[in-house]
């Protein structure tokens, strides 16, 4: 039987691609979503914490970590997380705090580029 050359090329590429897959997609997705590396603070967030005299206790850090885990489970990428009187925008994908504000500053601020929020 005669087939078009382009369709033969597509079949070969699909066969080659299927041989290269070592892990099922759902396994890779779950590993990525459940990544449990430590939370980090961007240089910007660190400057904000110093400039605004913000420090987090170990218990507050644990609550922040739990809030980031919940945000990841909901599929959020950059939520606003409130821990007592501190507001933080967090990159869930990178597990990185992007910026930090004290509660009194947060009341007068419009947050943009966030896709959810949580109270920890």
N, C-alpha and C. Protein backbone atom coordinates (compact mmCIF):
# COMPACT_ATOMS: atom_id res chain seq x y z
N UNK A 1 0.84 -1.18 0.00
CA UNK A 1 0.00 0.00 0.00
C UNK A 1 0.88 1.24 0.00
N UNK A 2 0.47 2.24 -0.73
CA UNK A 2 1.24 3.48 -0.83
C UNK A 2 0.65 4.49 0.13
N UNK A 3 1.53 5.09 0.97
CA UNK A 3 1.10 6.13 1.90
C UNK A 3 1.87 7.40 1.61
N UNK A 4 1.29 8.50 2.03
CA UNK A 4 1.99 9.76 1.88
C UNK A 4 3.25 9.74 2.74
N UNK A 5 4.30 10.36 2.23
CA UNK A 5 5.56 10.40 2.97
C UNK A 5 5.39 11.16 4.28
N UNK A 6 4.58 12.21 4.29
CA UNK A 6 4.42 13.00 5.52
C UNK A 6 3.77 12.19 6.62
N UNK A 7 2.82 11.34 6.29
CA UNK A 7 2.18 10.55 7.35
C UNK A 7 3.12 9.48 7.89
N UNK A 8 4.00 8.96 7.04
CA UNK A 8 5.01 8.01 7.54
C UNK A 8 5.95 8.69 8.52
N UNK A 9 6.33 9.91 8.21
CA UNK A 9 7.22 10.67 9.10
C UNK A 9 6.57 10.94 10.44
N UNK A 10 5.26 11.22 10.43
CA UNK A 10 4.55 11.47 11.68
C UNK A 10 4.49 10.22 12.53
N UNK A 11 4.24 9.08 11.90
CA UNK A 11 4.18 7.83 12.65
C UNK A 11 5.54 7.53 13.28
N UNK A 12 6.61 7.73 12.54
CA UNK A 12 7.95 7.48 13.06
C UNK A 12 8.25 8.39 14.24
N UNK A 13 7.89 9.66 14.13
CA UNK A 13 8.13 10.60 15.23
C UNK A 13 7.33 10.21 16.47
N UNK A 14 6.08 9.81 16.28
CA UNK A 14 5.27 9.39 17.41
C UNK A 14 5.85 8.14 18.08
N UNK A 15 6.31 7.20 17.28
CA UNK A 15 6.92 5.99 17.85
C UNK A 15 8.19 6.34 18.60
N UNK A 16 9.01 7.24 18.04
CA UNK A 16 10.25 7.65 18.72
C UNK A 16 9.94 8.36 20.03
N UNK A 17 8.92 9.23 20.00
CA UNK A 17 8.55 9.96 21.22
C UNK A 17 8.04 9.02 22.29
N UNK A 18 7.28 8.00 21.89
CA UNK A 18 6.74 7.08 22.89
C UNK A 18 7.84 6.24 23.52
N UNK A 19 8.91 6.00 22.82
CA UNK A 19 10.02 5.24 23.40
C UNK A 19 10.80 6.05 24.42
N UNK A 20 10.81 7.38 24.26
CA UNK A 20 11.60 8.24 25.15
C UNK A 20 10.91 8.48 26.49
N UNK A 21 9.63 8.30 26.60
CA UNK A 21 8.90 8.55 27.84
C UNK A 21 9.28 7.48 28.86
N UNK A 22 9.86 7.93 29.96
CA UNK A 22 10.28 7.00 31.00
C UNK A 22 9.28 6.91 32.13
N UNK A 23 8.55 8.01 32.40
CA UNK A 23 7.58 8.03 33.48
C UNK A 23 6.24 8.47 32.92
N UNK A 24 5.15 7.95 33.45
CA UNK A 24 3.83 8.42 33.01
C UNK A 24 3.64 9.88 33.40
N UNK A 25 2.85 10.58 32.59
CA UNK A 25 2.62 12.01 32.81
C UNK A 25 2.08 12.30 34.20
N UNK A 26 1.10 11.51 34.67
CA UNK A 26 0.50 11.78 35.98
C UNK A 26 1.53 11.66 37.10
N UNK A 27 2.49 10.77 36.96
CA UNK A 27 3.53 10.62 37.98
C UNK A 27 4.44 11.86 38.00
N UNK A 28 4.80 12.36 36.83
CA UNK A 28 5.64 13.56 36.75
C UNK A 28 4.88 14.76 37.30
N UNK A 29 3.59 14.87 36.96
CA UNK A 29 2.78 15.97 37.45
C UNK A 29 2.68 15.95 38.97
N UNK A 30 2.40 14.78 39.54
CA UNK A 30 2.30 14.67 41.00
C UNK A 30 3.61 14.98 41.69
N UNK A 31 4.72 14.56 41.13
CA UNK A 31 6.03 14.87 41.72
C UNK A 31 6.27 16.37 41.71
N UNK A 32 5.89 17.03 40.61
CA UNK A 32 6.08 18.48 40.50
C UNK A 32 5.18 19.21 41.48
N UNK A 33 3.91 18.80 41.58
CA UNK A 33 2.99 19.48 42.49
C UNK A 33 3.33 19.23 43.95
N UNK A 34 3.87 18.09 44.26
CA UNK A 34 4.17 17.73 45.64
C UNK A 34 5.62 18.02 46.03
N UNK A 35 6.28 18.83 45.23
CA UNK A 35 7.67 19.16 45.54
C UNK A 35 7.72 19.82 46.92
N UNK A 36 8.54 19.29 47.79
CA UNK A 36 8.55 19.74 49.17
C UNK A 36 9.85 20.42 49.56
N UNK A 37 10.44 21.15 48.66
CA UNK A 37 11.65 21.88 49.01
C UNK A 37 11.32 22.98 50.00
N UNK A 38 12.32 23.51 50.66
CA UNK A 38 12.07 24.57 51.64
C UNK A 38 11.61 25.85 50.94
N UNK A 39 10.79 26.62 51.63
CA UNK A 39 10.38 27.92 51.11
C UNK A 39 11.59 28.84 51.08
N UNK A 40 11.65 29.62 50.04
CA UNK A 40 12.75 30.59 49.91
C UNK A 40 12.16 31.99 49.87
N UNK A 41 12.99 32.98 50.11
CA UNK A 41 12.58 34.37 50.04
C UNK A 41 13.43 35.04 48.97
N UNK A 42 12.77 35.69 48.01
CA UNK A 42 13.50 36.39 46.96
C UNK A 42 14.30 37.53 47.59
N UNK A 43 15.27 38.04 46.84
CA UNK A 43 16.07 39.17 47.33
C UNK A 43 15.15 40.36 47.61
N UNK A 44 14.16 40.57 46.75
CA UNK A 44 13.20 41.66 46.95
C UNK A 44 12.44 41.47 48.26
N UNK A 45 11.96 40.25 48.51
CA UNK A 45 11.21 39.98 49.75
C UNK A 45 12.11 40.17 50.97
N UNK A 46 13.35 39.76 50.88
CA UNK A 46 14.28 39.93 52.00
C UNK A 46 14.51 41.41 52.29
N UNK A 47 14.66 42.23 51.23
CA UNK A 47 14.82 43.68 51.45
C UNK A 47 13.58 44.27 52.09
N UNK A 48 12.40 43.83 51.64
CA UNK A 48 11.15 44.33 52.22
C UNK A 48 11.04 43.94 53.69
N UNK A 49 11.43 42.73 54.03
CA UNK A 49 11.35 42.30 55.42
C UNK A 49 12.27 43.14 56.31
N UNK A 50 13.46 43.40 55.83
CA UNK A 50 14.41 44.22 56.61
C UNK A 50 13.89 45.65 56.70
N UNK A 51 13.49 46.23 55.58
CA UNK A 51 13.02 47.61 55.55
C UNK A 51 11.75 47.83 56.34
N UNK A 52 10.92 46.83 56.45
CA UNK A 52 9.64 46.95 57.15
C UNK A 52 9.66 46.29 58.52
N UNK A 53 10.84 45.86 58.92
CA UNK A 53 11.03 45.25 60.24
C UNK A 53 10.05 44.09 60.46
N UNK A 54 10.01 43.17 59.49
CA UNK A 54 9.14 42.00 59.55
C UNK A 54 9.99 40.77 59.82
N UNK A 55 9.59 40.00 60.79
CA UNK A 55 10.24 38.71 61.02
C UNK A 55 9.15 37.67 61.28
N UNK A 56 9.42 36.45 60.88
CA UNK A 56 8.45 35.37 61.05
C UNK A 56 8.99 34.36 62.05
N UNK A 57 8.14 33.91 62.94
CA UNK A 57 8.52 32.87 63.89
C UNK A 57 8.53 31.52 63.17
N UNK A 58 9.07 30.52 63.82
CA UNK A 58 9.07 29.18 63.26
C UNK A 58 7.64 28.69 63.02
N UNK A 59 6.75 29.00 63.95
CA UNK A 59 5.34 28.60 63.82
C UNK A 59 4.69 29.31 62.64
N UNK A 60 5.00 30.57 62.42
CA UNK A 60 4.46 31.30 61.28
C UNK A 60 5.01 30.76 59.97
N UNK A 61 6.29 30.37 59.96
CA UNK A 61 6.89 29.78 58.77
C UNK A 61 6.20 28.46 58.43
N UNK A 62 5.88 27.69 59.45
CA UNK A 62 5.18 26.42 59.23
C UNK A 62 3.79 26.66 58.64
N UNK A 63 3.10 27.67 59.16
CA UNK A 63 1.77 28.01 58.64
C UNK A 63 1.86 28.50 57.20
N UNK A 64 2.90 29.27 56.90
CA UNK A 64 3.12 29.74 55.53
C UNK A 64 3.37 28.55 54.61
N UNK A 65 4.19 27.62 55.04
CA UNK A 65 4.48 26.42 54.26
C UNK A 65 3.20 25.62 54.00
N UNK A 66 2.36 25.48 55.01
CA UNK A 66 1.09 24.76 54.85
C UNK A 66 0.17 25.49 53.88
N UNK A 67 0.15 26.83 53.95
CA UNK A 67 -0.69 27.62 53.05
C UNK A 67 -0.23 27.46 51.61
N UNK A 68 1.08 27.42 51.40
CA UNK A 68 1.62 27.22 50.05
C UNK A 68 1.25 25.83 49.54
N UNK A 69 1.31 24.83 50.42
CA UNK A 69 0.89 23.49 50.03
C UNK A 69 -0.57 23.43 49.63
N UNK A 70 -1.42 24.11 50.39
CA UNK A 70 -2.85 24.15 50.05
C UNK A 70 -3.07 24.88 48.73
N UNK A 71 -2.33 25.96 48.51
CA UNK A 71 -2.45 26.71 47.25
C UNK A 71 -2.03 25.83 46.08
N UNK A 72 -0.97 25.05 46.25
CA UNK A 72 -0.52 24.14 45.19
C UNK A 72 -1.59 23.09 44.90
N UNK A 73 -2.22 22.57 45.94
CA UNK A 73 -3.26 21.56 45.76
C UNK A 73 -4.46 22.12 45.00
N UNK A 74 -4.71 23.42 45.14
CA UNK A 74 -5.82 24.06 44.44
C UNK A 74 -5.43 24.53 43.04
N UNK A 75 -4.15 24.39 42.70
CA UNK A 75 -3.69 24.79 41.37
C UNK A 75 -3.32 26.25 41.25
N UNK A 76 -3.16 26.93 42.37
CA UNK A 76 -2.78 28.35 42.33
C UNK A 76 -1.30 28.48 42.00
N UNK A 77 -0.95 29.60 41.39
CA UNK A 77 0.46 29.84 41.05
C UNK A 77 1.06 30.97 41.86
N UNK A 78 0.31 32.07 42.06
CA UNK A 78 0.83 33.20 42.83
C UNK A 78 -0.26 33.77 43.73
N UNK A 79 -0.49 33.13 44.87
CA UNK A 79 -1.53 33.63 45.78
C UNK A 79 -0.98 34.69 46.74
N UNK A 80 -1.90 35.42 47.32
CA UNK A 80 -1.61 36.31 48.44
C UNK A 80 -1.89 35.50 49.70
N UNK A 81 -0.90 35.40 50.58
CA UNK A 81 -1.04 34.63 51.82
C UNK A 81 -0.95 35.60 53.00
N UNK A 82 -1.93 35.53 53.89
CA UNK A 82 -1.95 36.37 55.09
C UNK A 82 -1.64 35.51 56.30
N UNK A 83 -0.59 35.89 57.01
CA UNK A 83 -0.22 35.24 58.27
C UNK A 83 -0.23 36.35 59.33
N UNK A 84 -1.25 36.34 60.17
CA UNK A 84 -1.44 37.36 61.20
C UNK A 84 -1.39 38.74 60.57
N UNK A 85 -0.39 39.56 60.89
CA UNK A 85 -0.34 40.93 60.35
C UNK A 85 0.64 41.07 59.19
N UNK A 86 0.95 39.98 58.51
CA UNK A 86 1.89 40.01 57.39
C UNK A 86 1.22 39.45 56.14
N UNK A 87 1.31 40.19 55.03
CA UNK A 87 0.78 39.75 53.74
C UNK A 87 1.96 39.43 52.83
N UNK A 88 1.89 38.27 52.15
CA UNK A 88 2.97 37.85 51.27
C UNK A 88 2.41 37.34 49.96
N UNK A 89 3.04 37.73 48.86
CA UNK A 89 2.74 37.15 47.56
C UNK A 89 3.78 36.07 47.34
N UNK A 90 3.31 34.86 47.01
CA UNK A 90 4.19 33.69 46.94
C UNK A 90 4.09 33.05 45.56
N UNK A 91 5.25 32.66 45.00
CA UNK A 91 5.27 31.83 43.80
C UNK A 91 5.21 30.38 44.26
N UNK A 92 4.07 29.74 44.02
CA UNK A 92 3.91 28.34 44.43
C UNK A 92 4.84 27.44 43.63
N UNK A 93 4.96 27.72 42.34
CA UNK A 93 5.80 26.91 41.46
C UNK A 93 7.24 26.86 41.95
N UNK A 94 7.77 28.00 42.35
CA UNK A 94 9.17 28.09 42.79
C UNK A 94 9.31 27.98 44.30
N UNK A 95 8.18 27.91 45.01
CA UNK A 95 8.18 27.90 46.48
C UNK A 95 9.00 29.07 47.01
N UNK A 96 8.71 30.26 46.47
CA UNK A 96 9.46 31.47 46.81
C UNK A 96 8.51 32.59 47.18
N UNK A 97 8.78 33.26 48.30
CA UNK A 97 8.03 34.45 48.69
C UNK A 97 8.56 35.59 47.82
N UNK A 98 7.65 36.26 47.11
CA UNK A 98 8.04 37.30 46.17
C UNK A 98 8.12 38.67 46.85
N UNK A 99 7.13 38.99 47.66
CA UNK A 99 7.15 40.27 48.36
C UNK A 99 6.41 40.14 49.69
N UNK A 100 6.69 41.07 50.59
CA UNK A 100 6.16 41.03 51.96
C UNK A 100 5.68 42.42 52.36
N UNK A 101 4.51 42.49 52.97
CA UNK A 101 3.97 43.75 53.49
C UNK A 101 3.44 43.53 54.89
N UNK A 102 3.51 44.56 55.70
CA UNK A 102 2.85 44.52 57.02
C UNK A 102 1.36 44.74 56.80
N UNK A 103 0.56 44.29 57.74
CA UNK A 103 -0.89 44.38 57.61
C UNK A 103 -1.40 45.79 57.38
N UNK A 104 -0.82 46.78 58.08
CA UNK A 104 -1.29 48.15 57.92
C UNK A 104 -1.01 48.68 56.52
N UNK A 105 0.08 48.24 55.88
CA UNK A 105 0.38 48.64 54.51
C UNK A 105 -0.54 47.91 53.53
N UNK A 106 -0.85 46.67 53.83
CA UNK A 106 -1.65 45.85 52.93
C UNK A 106 -3.08 46.36 52.82
N UNK A 107 -3.57 47.03 53.85
CA UNK A 107 -4.96 47.51 53.83
C UNK A 107 -5.17 48.58 52.76
N UNK A 108 -4.13 49.29 52.40
CA UNK A 108 -4.26 50.39 51.46
C UNK A 108 -3.64 50.04 50.11
N UNK A 109 -3.53 48.76 49.81
CA UNK A 109 -2.86 48.32 48.60
C UNK A 109 -3.79 47.49 47.74
N UNK A 110 -3.69 47.68 46.43
CA UNK A 110 -4.38 46.83 45.47
C UNK A 110 -3.36 45.81 44.98
N UNK A 111 -3.66 44.54 45.14
CA UNK A 111 -2.75 43.49 44.71
C UNK A 111 -3.12 43.06 43.29
N UNK A 112 -2.12 43.02 42.43
CA UNK A 112 -2.34 42.57 41.06
C UNK A 112 -1.49 41.33 40.81
N UNK A 113 -1.80 40.65 39.75
CA UNK A 113 -1.05 39.44 39.34
C UNK A 113 -1.08 38.33 40.38
N UNK A 114 -2.16 38.25 41.13
CA UNK A 114 -2.33 37.10 42.04
C UNK A 114 -3.52 36.30 41.52
N UNK A 115 -3.52 35.01 41.82
CA UNK A 115 -4.63 34.19 41.34
C UNK A 115 -5.39 33.50 42.46
N UNK A 116 -5.22 34.00 43.65
CA UNK A 116 -5.94 33.43 44.79
C UNK A 116 -5.44 34.05 46.08
N UNK A 117 -5.97 33.58 47.17
CA UNK A 117 -5.54 34.07 48.46
C UNK A 117 -5.79 33.03 49.53
N UNK A 118 -5.07 33.17 50.62
CA UNK A 118 -5.24 32.25 51.73
C UNK A 118 -4.85 32.91 53.04
N UNK A 119 -5.45 32.44 54.10
CA UNK A 119 -5.13 32.94 55.44
C UNK A 119 -4.52 31.78 56.20
N UNK A 120 -3.31 31.96 56.65
CA UNK A 120 -2.60 30.88 57.35
C UNK A 120 -2.49 31.12 58.82
